[in-house]
């Protein structure tokens, strides 16, 4: 079976259509969604699933713009040419006309359409059942991940479980909190309960979505919806299936991709035209860095993770974060870092969080403290956390929040962590922003409000214009 890097050339023609018009659920540049894309063989479905993965590659900046800049990890002192929309998000002054948010709305919904197209047709085609289960699981995971991201920034959004025409899409209203949970968690739970995905893949397919990825994302979804016992139960099944690398820097080494700590990452390949990317988080002068003072100050002396967010020279007048250092391919002119979305350190800290939310323990051998310290002592070997310094549930929760900030900067977790754990308003005060509850969500794009033109179906989030 081909990897999705090897299938890039095959997909170029097909994916060109997908990029022409990505408004709401529309796939084609015409007014009507075509429904005659019939997949007939296992290879047809493999290519279609690769198209679902491909959409994730265009979403990597989402984690920087809507999570890192939104939080106390990164900041912009002033807008420059082309960064006004990003600056507005960073400063909590974005409006419904923000182009970044409009682009993501379109991108996400187009990705959902691709997944739905696979899922609508796959049961009607006969080929190897194990492979069919895998393709279904992959499409369901990507759909769940996409709707999860949409929920985390907009709340309830219009959803669909099958391909819909433009006219049908215009009649779909926002989903409720319960409906969003049932769709997202339902897809992931079905993957886990029916064992749709393998635990691992052979060499050519390494990097595709695994059962462990579905379990990890399901645990994150449960935590986000404050279903802590369910989160504990599913995350406990992953403990020990992966492991931390001894050195945190090795996790991000481009020569060490798909290591035993990585659960799921968006793949890139700088050696294949169109499959690489430019430098991530690059500056012409380290003095112009975008790390917020709060991030730099959160590390204890000797913490190995702090060095990963320092800059190193990549080429003349170009400096990049050590975490994302790579050498450009001389032919393609691209780098090839993967965007790591799920890794084992996240599992350990989410597991600790779930256990603490269920019931605080002051035991020095509690599973919650052990999981927290497993992450901490990897980077601070001589300073494990003593339970005596965390005398109650609140102090333990704050310790987890701090450890997550130290562990995951620039990986797209911080803002979502602050909102989930209830500290966003408090923490942003220290970053100079007095925000209100409504700013925990983003505005629905104005273009979509106008397209639906029915506030009973699609209404704006409170206080946004």
Protein backbone atom coordinates (compact mmCIF):
# COMPACT_ATOMS: atom_id res chain seq x y z
CA UNK A 1 0.00 0.00 0.00
CA UNK A 2 1.30 3.45 -0.87
CA UNK A 3 2.00 6.07 1.78
CA UNK A 4 0.17 9.35 1.45
CA UNK A 5 3.43 11.05 0.47
CA UNK A 6 3.80 8.66 -2.45
CA UNK A 7 0.27 9.42 -3.59
CA UNK A 8 0.81 13.16 -3.88
CA UNK A 9 1.23 13.11 -7.64
CA UNK A 10 -1.91 11.03 -8.08
CA UNK A 11 -3.89 13.49 -6.00
CA UNK A 12 -2.77 16.76 -7.56
CA UNK A 13 -5.46 16.84 -10.23
CA UNK A 14 -8.24 15.73 -7.92
CA UNK A 15 -7.25 18.05 -5.10
CA UNK A 16 -7.09 21.04 -7.42
CA UNK A 17 -10.88 20.95 -7.55
CA UNK A 18 -11.06 20.88 -3.76
CA UNK A 19 -9.06 24.09 -3.44
CA UNK A 20 -11.08 26.16 -5.90
CA UNK A 21 -14.01 26.88 -3.61
CA UNK A 22 -14.23 25.96 0.04
CA UNK A 23 -17.27 27.79 1.36
CA UNK A 24 -19.43 25.94 3.87
CA UNK A 25 -19.96 22.36 2.63
CA UNK A 26 -19.32 23.23 -1.02
CA UNK A 27 -16.68 21.15 -2.71
CA UNK A 28 -16.79 22.24 -6.34
CA UNK A 29 -16.44 25.73 -7.85
CA UNK A 30 -19.95 25.39 -9.30
CA UNK A 31 -23.23 26.02 -7.54
CA UNK A 32 -23.94 22.30 -7.22
CA UNK A 33 -21.97 19.70 -5.35
CA UNK A 34 -21.27 16.78 -7.63
CA UNK A 35 -22.33 13.40 -6.29
CA UNK A 36 -20.92 11.22 -9.06
CA UNK A 37 -17.51 10.63 -7.49
CA UNK A 38 -17.96 6.89 -7.18
CA UNK A 39 -15.19 4.88 -5.54
CA UNK A 40 -15.11 1.31 -6.81
CA UNK A 41 -11.95 -0.30 -5.46
CA UNK A 42 -9.85 -0.42 -2.32
CA UNK A 43 -7.27 1.77 -4.06
CA UNK A 44 -9.96 4.34 -4.88
CA UNK A 45 -10.82 4.54 -1.20
CA UNK A 46 -7.19 4.69 -0.19
CA UNK A 47 -6.71 7.73 -2.44
CA UNK A 48 -9.90 9.29 -1.06
CA UNK A 49 -8.71 8.78 2.53
CA UNK A 50 -5.34 10.27 1.62
CA UNK A 51 -7.33 13.30 0.46
CA UNK A 52 -8.77 13.56 3.97
CA UNK A 53 -5.26 13.49 5.46
CA UNK A 54 -4.15 16.03 2.89
CA UNK A 55 -6.62 18.58 4.22
CA UNK A 56 -4.95 18.44 7.63
CA UNK A 57 -1.72 19.73 6.09
CA UNK A 58 -3.42 23.05 5.33
CA UNK A 59 -4.47 23.48 8.96
CA UNK A 60 -1.12 23.60 10.74
CA UNK A 61 -1.15 27.40 11.14
CA UNK A 62 -4.50 27.08 12.95
CA UNK A 63 -2.69 25.85 16.05
CA UNK A 64 -0.45 28.91 16.05
CA UNK A 65 -2.98 31.57 15.13
CA UNK A 66 -6.00 30.41 17.12
CA UNK A 67 -4.21 28.82 20.06
CA UNK A 68 -0.68 30.09 20.66
CA UNK A 69 -1.24 33.75 19.73
CA UNK A 70 -4.57 33.66 21.53
CA UNK A 71 -2.83 32.58 24.73
CA UNK A 72 -0.03 33.91 26.89
CA UNK A 73 2.62 31.96 24.95
CA UNK A 74 3.00 34.29 21.96
CA UNK A 75 2.25 37.92 21.18
CA UNK A 76 2.47 40.55 18.48
CA UNK A 77 3.44 44.08 19.47
CA UNK A 78 1.90 45.61 16.35
CA UNK A 79 0.38 44.52 13.06
CA UNK A 80 2.52 44.39 9.96
CA UNK A 81 1.62 43.93 6.32
CA UNK A 82 -0.50 40.82 6.15
CA UNK A 83 -0.76 40.21 9.91
CA UNK A 84 -3.70 42.44 10.90
CA UNK A 85 -6.11 39.52 11.31
CA UNK A 86 -3.56 37.60 13.40
CA UNK A 87 -2.86 40.69 15.51
CA UNK A 88 -6.58 41.14 16.14
CA UNK A 89 -6.86 37.55 17.35
CA UNK A 90 -3.82 38.03 19.58
CA UNK A 91 -5.28 41.22 21.04
CA UNK A 92 -8.86 39.91 21.44
CA UNK A 93 -10.26 42.54 19.06
CA UNK A 94 -11.16 40.27 16.13
CA UNK A 95 -14.49 40.75 14.40
CA UNK A 96 -16.70 38.45 12.36
CA UNK A 97 -14.94 39.76 9.24
CA UNK A 98 -11.60 38.25 10.29
CA UNK A 99 -10.17 36.53 7.22
CA UNK A 100 -8.26 33.89 9.18
CA UNK A 101 -11.46 32.63 10.79
CA UNK A 102 -13.30 32.61 7.46
CA UNK A 103 -10.51 30.56 5.88
CA UNK A 104 -10.58 27.97 8.66
CA UNK A 105 -14.36 27.67 8.54
CA UNK A 106 -14.12 26.87 4.84
CA UNK A 107 -11.12 24.58 5.23
CA UNK A 108 -12.66 22.59 8.06
CA UNK A 109 -15.99 22.10 6.32
CA UNK A 110 -14.28 21.04 3.11
CA UNK A 111 -12.32 18.48 5.11
CA UNK A 112 -15.55 17.16 6.63
CA UNK A 113 -17.03 16.84 3.14
CA UNK A 114 -14.13 14.64 2.05
CA UNK A 115 -14.60 12.37 5.06
CA UNK A 116 -18.35 12.16 4.53
CA UNK A 117 -17.88 11.24 0.89
CA UNK A 118 -15.76 8.25 1.93
CA UNK A 119 -18.13 7.17 4.69
CA UNK A 120 -21.24 7.42 2.52
CA UNK A 121 -19.92 5.06 -0.13
CA UNK A 122 -17.57 2.63 1.57
CA UNK A 123 -20.15 0.13 2.85
CA UNK A 124 -21.48 -0.35 -0.65
CA UNK A 125 -18.21 -1.56 -2.12
CA UNK A 126 -16.78 -5.03 -1.61
CA UNK A 127 -13.14 -5.43 -0.67
CA UNK A 128 -11.06 -6.67 2.26
CA UNK A 129 -13.09 -6.07 5.44
CA UNK A 130 -10.08 -5.27 7.61
CA UNK A 131 -8.93 -2.63 5.16
CA UNK A 132 -12.48 -1.28 4.89
CA UNK A 133 -12.65 -0.92 8.67
CA UNK A 134 -9.36 0.95 8.64
CA UNK A 135 -10.47 3.43 5.99
CA UNK A 136 -13.73 4.04 7.83
CA UNK A 137 -11.86 4.58 11.07
CA UNK A 138 -9.44 7.02 9.49
CA UNK A 139 -12.22 9.10 7.91
CA UNK A 140 -14.23 9.08 11.15
CA UNK A 141 -11.19 10.16 13.17
CA UNK A 142 -10.41 13.07 10.85
CA UNK A 143 -14.07 14.15 10.86
CA UNK A 144 -14.15 14.00 14.65
CA UNK A 145 -10.86 15.90 14.94
CA UNK A 146 -12.14 18.59 12.57
CA UNK A 147 -15.44 19.09 14.36
CA UNK A 148 -13.59 19.09 17.69
CA UNK A 149 -11.44 21.99 16.53
CA UNK A 150 -14.51 23.82 15.27
CA UNK A 151 -16.28 23.26 18.57
CA UNK A 152 -13.31 24.52 20.56
CA UNK A 153 -13.24 27.87 18.77
CA UNK A 154 -16.89 28.47 17.83
CA UNK A 155 -18.99 26.23 20.04
CA UNK A 156 -21.84 24.50 18.25
CA UNK A 157 -21.57 24.65 14.46
CA UNK A 158 -23.64 23.24 11.60
CA UNK A 159 -22.75 19.57 11.21
CA UNK A 160 -23.37 16.85 8.66
CA UNK A 161 -22.77 13.10 8.65
CA UNK A 162 -23.14 12.76 4.89
CA UNK A 163 -22.27 14.85 1.83
CA UNK A 164 -24.82 17.61 1.35
CA UNK A 165 -25.63 19.91 -1.55
CA UNK A 166 -25.28 23.66 -1.24
CA UNK A 167 -29.04 24.07 -0.92
CA UNK A 168 -29.12 21.43 1.83
CA UNK A 169 -26.23 23.06 3.64
CA UNK A 170 -28.09 26.36 3.77
CA UNK A 171 -30.79 24.67 5.85
CA UNK A 172 -28.51 23.16 8.51
CA UNK A 173 -28.53 24.98 11.83
CA UNK A 174 -25.99 25.13 14.62
CA UNK A 175 -25.69 21.98 16.69
CA UNK A 176 -26.26 22.04 20.42
CA UNK A 177 -23.59 21.21 22.98
CA UNK A 178 -25.03 17.72 23.37
CA UNK A 179 -25.20 17.18 19.62
CA UNK A 180 -21.58 18.24 19.19
CA UNK A 181 -20.48 15.84 21.91
CA UNK A 182 -22.52 12.97 20.54
CA UNK A 183 -21.09 13.40 17.05
CA UNK A 184 -17.44 13.86 18.05
CA UNK A 185 -17.26 11.37 20.90
CA UNK A 186 -19.63 9.02 19.06
CA UNK A 187 -17.32 8.69 16.07
CA UNK A 188 -14.29 8.10 18.25
CA UNK A 189 -16.05 5.68 20.59
CA UNK A 190 -17.24 3.64 17.60
CA UNK A 191 -13.66 3.45 16.33
CA UNK A 192 -12.49 2.20 19.73
CA UNK A 193 -15.41 -0.12 20.52
CA UNK A 194 -15.43 -1.74 17.07
CA UNK A 195 -11.64 -1.84 16.85
CA UNK A 196 -11.71 -0.17 13.44
CA UNK A 197 -8.05 0.86 13.45
CA UNK A 198 -4.85 -1.14 13.98
CA UNK A 199 -2.44 -0.55 16.83
CA UNK A 200 0.40 0.01 14.36
CA UNK A 201 1.28 -0.16 10.67
CA UNK A 202 3.98 -1.69 8.53
CA UNK A 203 6.80 0.49 7.22
CA UNK A 204 5.04 2.00 4.21
CA UNK A 205 2.01 3.10 6.22
CA UNK A 206 3.66 4.24 9.43
CA UNK A 207 2.14 7.58 10.41
CA UNK A 208 -1.45 6.73 9.59
CA UNK A 209 -4.05 7.00 12.35
CA UNK A 210 -3.96 4.21 14.93
CA UNK A 211 -6.32 2.92 17.57
CA UNK A 212 -4.14 4.65 20.17
CA UNK A 213 -4.70 7.98 18.42
CA UNK A 214 -8.46 7.48 18.55
CA UNK A 215 -8.29 6.60 22.26
CA UNK A 216 -6.11 9.63 22.99
CA UNK A 217 -8.37 12.04 21.15
CA UNK A 218 -11.43 10.52 22.80
CA UNK A 219 -9.81 11.14 26.18
CA UNK A 220 -9.17 14.77 25.24
CA UNK A 221 -12.77 15.16 24.07
CA UNK A 222 -14.08 13.71 27.33
CA UNK A 223 -11.92 16.12 29.34
CA UNK A 224 -13.08 19.07 27.26
CA UNK A 225 -16.71 18.16 27.93
CA UNK A 226 -15.85 17.59 31.62
CA UNK A 227 -16.61 13.88 31.56
CA UNK A 228 -13.69 13.00 33.78
CA UNK A 229 -14.49 9.40 34.63
CA UNK A 230 -14.89 8.55 30.97
CA UNK A 231 -11.59 10.31 30.25
CA UNK A 232 -9.84 8.34 32.95
CA UNK A 233 -11.21 5.07 31.66
CA UNK A 234 -10.09 5.52 28.06
CA UNK A 235 -6.74 7.15 28.87
CA UNK A 236 -5.86 4.35 31.28
CA UNK A 237 -5.93 1.98 28.30
CA UNK A 238 -3.06 3.90 26.68
CA UNK A 239 -0.77 4.11 29.71
CA UNK A 240 2.29 2.02 28.90
CA UNK A 241 1.44 1.56 25.20
CA UNK A 242 3.79 4.44 24.36
CA UNK A 243 6.72 5.92 26.26
CA UNK A 244 8.58 9.18 26.72
CA UNK A 245 11.93 9.61 25.02
CA UNK A 246 14.74 10.30 27.50
CA UNK A 247 15.55 13.67 25.91
CA UNK A 248 12.62 15.99 25.05
CA UNK A 249 14.51 17.42 22.08
CA UNK A 250 14.63 14.02 20.40
CA UNK A 251 10.83 14.02 20.12
CA UNK A 252 11.03 16.77 17.49
CA UNK A 253 14.13 15.62 15.64
CA UNK A 254 13.23 15.43 11.94
CA UNK A 255 15.51 12.40 11.68
CA UNK A 256 13.52 10.65 14.40
CA UNK A 257 9.95 10.94 13.13
CA UNK A 258 7.26 8.53 14.33
CA UNK A 259 9.25 7.76 17.46
CA UNK A 260 7.68 5.88 20.34
CA UNK A 261 6.32 9.07 21.95
CA UNK A 262 4.40 10.22 18.86
CA UNK A 263 0.78 9.07 18.72
CA UNK A 264 -0.39 11.12 15.75
CA UNK A 265 1.24 13.82 13.64
CA UNK A 266 0.42 15.61 10.40
CA UNK A 267 3.05 14.31 8.03
CA UNK A 268 5.28 16.36 5.75
CA UNK A 269 8.11 15.38 3.41
CA UNK A 270 10.49 18.07 2.19
CA UNK A 271 11.87 15.77 -0.50
CA UNK A 272 8.53 15.53 -2.35
CA UNK A 273 7.36 18.63 -4.26
CA UNK A 274 4.28 20.07 -2.58
CA UNK A 275 4.68 17.96 0.56
CA UNK A 276 7.04 20.20 2.54
CA UNK A 277 6.67 23.65 4.04
CA UNK A 278 8.65 26.77 4.88
CA UNK A 279 10.40 27.41 8.18
CA UNK A 280 8.08 27.40 11.16
CA UNK A 281 8.41 30.24 13.69
CA UNK A 282 11.30 31.89 11.92
CA UNK A 283 12.63 35.41 12.51
CA UNK A 284 15.36 37.47 10.90
CA UNK A 285 16.62 38.53 14.32
CA UNK A 286 16.11 36.65 17.61
CA UNK A 287 15.51 40.01 19.25
CA UNK A 288 12.21 40.08 17.33
CA UNK A 289 11.01 36.83 18.91
CA UNK A 290 7.32 36.38 19.63
CA UNK A 291 7.67 34.38 22.85
CA UNK A 292 5.68 36.08 25.57
CA UNK A 293 7.56 36.93 28.79
CA UNK A 294 5.15 34.68 30.71
CA UNK A 295 6.27 31.66 28.70
CA UNK A 296 9.97 32.34 29.12
CA UNK A 297 9.53 32.89 32.85
CA UNK A 298 7.58 29.69 33.52
CA UNK A 299 10.59 27.36 33.36
CA UNK A 300 12.58 26.36 36.41
CA UNK A 301 16.35 26.61 36.21
CA UNK A 302 17.80 23.63 34.37
CA UNK A 303 14.55 22.63 32.63
CA UNK A 304 15.64 20.99 29.37
CA UNK A 305 12.53 22.20 27.57
CA UNK A 306 13.39 25.88 27.73
CA UNK A 307 16.24 25.49 25.26
CA UNK A 308 13.81 24.10 22.68
CA UNK A 309 12.09 27.49 22.41
CA UNK A 310 15.33 29.38 21.88
CA UNK A 311 16.45 30.31 18.39
CA UNK A 312 19.16 28.79 16.27
CA UNK A 313 20.46 30.00 12.92
CA UNK A 314 19.09 28.11 9.93
CA UNK A 315 20.66 30.21 7.21
CA UNK A 316 21.83 33.77 6.67
CA UNK A 317 19.43 36.14 8.46
CA UNK A 318 17.03 33.29 9.31
CA UNK A 319 16.63 31.92 12.81
CA UNK A 320 14.16 29.23 13.84
CA UNK A 321 13.06 27.68 17.10
CA UNK A 322 15.23 24.69 17.98
CA UNK A 323 12.04 22.70 18.45
CA UNK A 324 11.33 23.05 14.73
CA UNK A 325 14.80 23.16 13.27
CA UNK A 326 15.32 21.52 9.89
CA UNK A 327 17.57 22.00 6.89
CA UNK A 328 15.86 22.91 3.62
CA UNK A 329 15.91 20.47 0.74
CA UNK A 330 18.08 22.11 -1.92
CA UNK A 331 15.72 21.07 -4.73
CA UNK A 332 12.27 21.76 -3.27
CA UNK A 333 13.36 24.63 -1.02
CA UNK A 334 11.22 23.22 1.80
CA UNK A 335 11.63 21.85 5.29
CA UNK A 336 9.75 18.80 6.53
CA UNK A 337 8.88 18.99 10.22
CA UNK A 338 5.74 17.06 11.12
CA UNK A 339 3.00 18.84 13.08
CA UNK A 340 2.71 16.67 16.19
CA UNK A 341 -0.90 16.67 17.37
CA UNK A 342 -0.92 13.87 19.97
CA UNK A 343 1.99 12.49 21.96
CA UNK A 344 2.43 10.41 25.08
CA UNK A 345 3.33 13.32 27.36
CA UNK A 346 -0.16 14.65 26.64
CA UNK A 347 -1.70 11.31 27.62
CA UNK A 348 0.13 11.29 30.96
CA UNK A 349 -0.87 14.84 31.85
CA UNK A 350 -4.48 14.35 30.74
CA UNK A 351 -4.63 11.17 32.80
CA UNK A 352 -3.34 13.04 35.85
CA UNK A 353 -5.90 15.77 35.21
CA UNK A 354 -8.80 13.34 34.96
CA UNK A 355 -7.78 11.51 38.13
CA UNK A 356 -7.42 14.76 40.07
CA UNK A 357 -10.79 16.05 38.89
CA UNK A 358 -12.47 12.83 39.99
CA UNK A 359 -10.85 12.79 43.43
CA UNK A 360 -7.77 14.56 44.78
CA UNK A 361 -5.22 12.28 46.42
CA UNK A 362 -2.49 13.35 48.83
CA UNK A 363 -0.67 10.06 48.45
CA UNK A 364 2.96 10.35 47.28
CA UNK A 365 2.39 7.21 45.20
CA UNK A 366 -0.92 8.18 43.60
CA UNK A 367 -1.23 7.46 39.85
CA UNK A 368 -2.00 11.14 39.26
CA UNK A 369 1.25 12.32 40.85
CA UNK A 370 3.24 9.55 39.20
CA UNK A 371 1.95 10.57 35.76
CA UNK A 372 2.63 14.24 36.43
CA UNK A 373 6.15 13.50 37.64
CA UNK A 374 6.90 11.18 34.76
CA UNK A 375 6.61 14.17 32.45
CA UNK A 376 8.32 16.61 34.80
CA UNK A 377 11.35 14.52 35.68
CA UNK A 378 12.12 13.77 32.05
CA UNK A 379 13.11 17.45 31.73
CA UNK A 380 13.90 18.22 35.38
CA UNK A 381 15.42 14.96 36.69
CA UNK A 382 16.45 16.33 40.06
CA UNK A 383 13.22 18.11 40.98
CA UNK A 384 10.14 15.90 41.09
CA UNK A 385 7.02 17.46 42.54
CA UNK A 386 6.44 16.64 46.21
CA UNK A 387 2.79 16.07 47.04
CA UNK A 388 3.19 18.22 50.16
CA UNK A 389 3.43 21.25 47.85
CA UNK A 390 0.05 20.38 46.33
CA UNK A 391 -2.28 20.11 49.31
CA UNK A 392 -5.60 20.14 47.44
CA UNK A 393 -7.33 19.61 44.11
CA UNK A 394 -6.92 23.25 43.03
CA UNK A 395 -3.16 23.33 43.60
CA UNK A 396 -2.77 20.01 41.80
CA UNK A 397 -4.79 21.32 38.85
CA UNK A 398 -2.59 24.41 38.66
CA UNK A 399 0.52 22.25 38.72
CA UNK A 400 -0.80 20.29 35.75
CA UNK A 401 -1.62 23.51 33.91
CA UNK A 402 1.92 24.83 34.48
CA UNK A 403 3.50 21.56 33.40
CA UNK A 404 1.42 21.60 30.23
CA UNK A 405 2.62 25.11 29.41
CA UNK A 406 6.23 24.03 29.84
CA UNK A 407 5.78 20.83 27.85
CA UNK A 408 3.76 21.96 24.81
CA UNK A 409 4.63 25.53 23.74
CA UNK A 410 4.07 26.17 20.02
CA UNK A 411 2.24 22.83 19.67
CA UNK A 412 -1.28 24.27 19.75
CA UNK A 413 -2.46 23.30 23.24
CA UNK A 414 -2.19 26.36 25.47
CA UNK A 415 -5.39 28.31 24.74
CA UNK A 416 -7.53 25.19 24.70
CA UNK A 417 -5.94 24.07 27.98
CA UNK A 418 -6.70 27.41 29.64
CA UNK A 419 -10.31 27.35 28.52
CA UNK A 420 -10.86 23.70 29.47
CA UNK A 421 -9.28 24.07 32.90
CA UNK A 422 -11.06 27.36 33.65
CA UNK A 423 -8.05 29.67 33.88
CA UNK A 424 -8.20 31.61 30.61
CA UNK A 425 -9.58 34.87 32.02
CA UNK A 426 -7.25 34.84 35.02
CA UNK A 427 -4.10 34.01 33.06
CA UNK A 428 -4.74 36.52 30.30
CA UNK A 429 -4.85 39.33 32.85
CA UNK A 430 -1.15 38.72 33.47
CA UNK A 431 -0.64 39.00 29.70
CA UNK A 432 -2.37 42.39 29.67
CA UNK A 433 -5.84 41.32 28.50
CA UNK A 434 -8.97 41.68 30.61
CA UNK A 435 -11.30 39.39 28.69
CA UNK A 436 -14.94 38.48 29.17
CA UNK A 437 -16.62 35.10 29.03
CA UNK A 438 -17.81 35.60 25.47
CA UNK A 439 -14.18 35.84 24.30
CA UNK A 440 -13.58 32.21 25.18
CA UNK A 441 -15.13 31.59 21.76
CA UNK A 442 -14.43 33.27 18.42
CA UNK A 443 -16.95 35.03 16.18
CA UNK A 444 -18.76 33.01 13.52
CA UNK A 445 -17.50 34.31 10.13
CA UNK A 446 -19.71 37.10 8.81
CA UNK A 447 -19.74 35.52 5.35
CA UNK A 448 -21.43 32.41 6.75
CA UNK A 449 -24.00 34.40 8.72
CA UNK A 450 -24.87 36.28 5.54
CA UNK A 451 -24.91 33.14 3.40
CA UNK A 452 -27.43 31.39 5.66
CA UNK A 453 -29.33 34.64 6.31
CA UNK A 454 -31.41 33.00 9.00
CA UNK A 455 -30.44 33.65 12.61
CA UNK A 456 -32.72 30.85 13.78
CA UNK A 457 -30.27 28.47 12.07
CA UNK A 458 -26.92 30.26 12.30
CA UNK A 459 -26.57 33.03 14.82
CA UNK A 460 -23.55 35.00 15.89
CA UNK A 461 -21.77 34.22 19.16
CA UNK A 462 -22.73 36.80 21.80
CA UNK A 463 -21.37 40.36 21.57
CA UNK A 464 -19.49 39.87 18.31
CA UNK A 465 -20.20 42.01 15.26
